[in-house]
Amino acid sequence: MVTLSFAAAAAFAKDEAAPAARVDVPAFSLPFSEFASPSAREWFVRRVLGDGPKLGPDIARVRKENEAVDMDRVARMRALFDVRIERKTIAGVPVQIVSPARKGDATRTLVNLHGGGFLWGSGPGALVESIPIAAESGITVVAIDYRMAPEARYPAASEDVAAVYRALLKARPAGSIGIYGCSAGAMLTAESMVWFQRHRLPAPGAIGMFCMGATMPGGDSAYLSTGASNGTPGKGFDFSAHPYFAGADFRDAGVVPASSDAVMAAFPPTLLISGTRDGGLSSVLATQSALTRNGVEARLHVWDGMWHSFMSDPEPRESREAYRVVAEFFKAHLRPASAGGKRGAISRGE
């Protein structure tokens, strides 16, 4: 049970012109959702209420702590999912190729863009998002270890994604490729669609944005869902002073894709996933609205009681359900390479 102190929320609220549409909520205890699974309850206590990695100015420490968590996740996933992992370089960008151990679907390819706030998440963090999807879908996943802050800044990650994507297009049609990411990886997925549009690259067959969308963090969930996870309502992750976006124009659709209807109208079919205790839920919902408003297929799945990046732990029933949703979505929307004229396995020379 989480005790929420919503009286403090006013301190985080933006200054608004009248009328002030604020609600003061007294502190109360919020029980865990009765609709969530027992395994989700166990992992909520362990992962969200437990003493996990903390943010801070020491990026080396943040990366080390998160890498330790992700390495443990990878070990647990390897015991559950039979995959092969190969590290290589495509177009000068380091990637990890995660393939189903048994013969899979060679006619489609998935690309993963890992989460981690544009600060951490490479290596084992990318594997956490790729292993279950490769195993569940039977499709090889190319996990891109894109450049992050503080070593790099926008649009470095978009450039890396485009470089790998352009190389993949030499062997397979765009319609056979799907791109997905969680949290910052979801934002990067959206930003990459804008980069592709501006550099005349064809859109992939489908994309997935999980636990964030094509906006910056904000909305009700930045306060409510954060409070429902750790008991302290806040504004959520603030990218306005983030080192990756230093000097970036937040009015630019390349940074905030949902700010442009024209940009969103050119998105491919999109899968959106979140949970009711995910601080990124409002971004996901706003993205779904923007896509639907502009005539783009947007499939939304929200699990009650689930927290930010809940799919990173494979044990909850809800994670397994989400893996199946992702797999079925991409299998339904990606055209087999043989139907598009180009085909070929991911070779060492790409």
Foldseek 3Di string as FASTA:
>chain_A
DFKAAQQCVVVFDDDDDPPDPDDRDHIDDDDFDPQFDPLQVVVLCPPQVHDAQDDDPPLVSSQVRVVVVLVVLLVVLVVVAAWDWDWADALNFTKIKIAHPDQAAQQAEEEEEEDDPLRYQPDSNQVLVQRLLRRLQRHIYIYTPWHGPPVAAPPRRLVSVVRRVVRVCVFFPLLRYEYEYFHVRQCSVLLNLVVCVVVVHAAHLEYEYELAHLAPFADPLQFVLQCVRHNYGHGHDDCPPPSRCVPPDNCDCSNRVLNDLVSLLRHAAYEYEEESSRSRVVRSVSSQVSNVVSPHHYHYDYHYSAYGPNLSRPPTPVVVVVSNVVSVVSVVRGDGRVVVPGGDGDDNVD
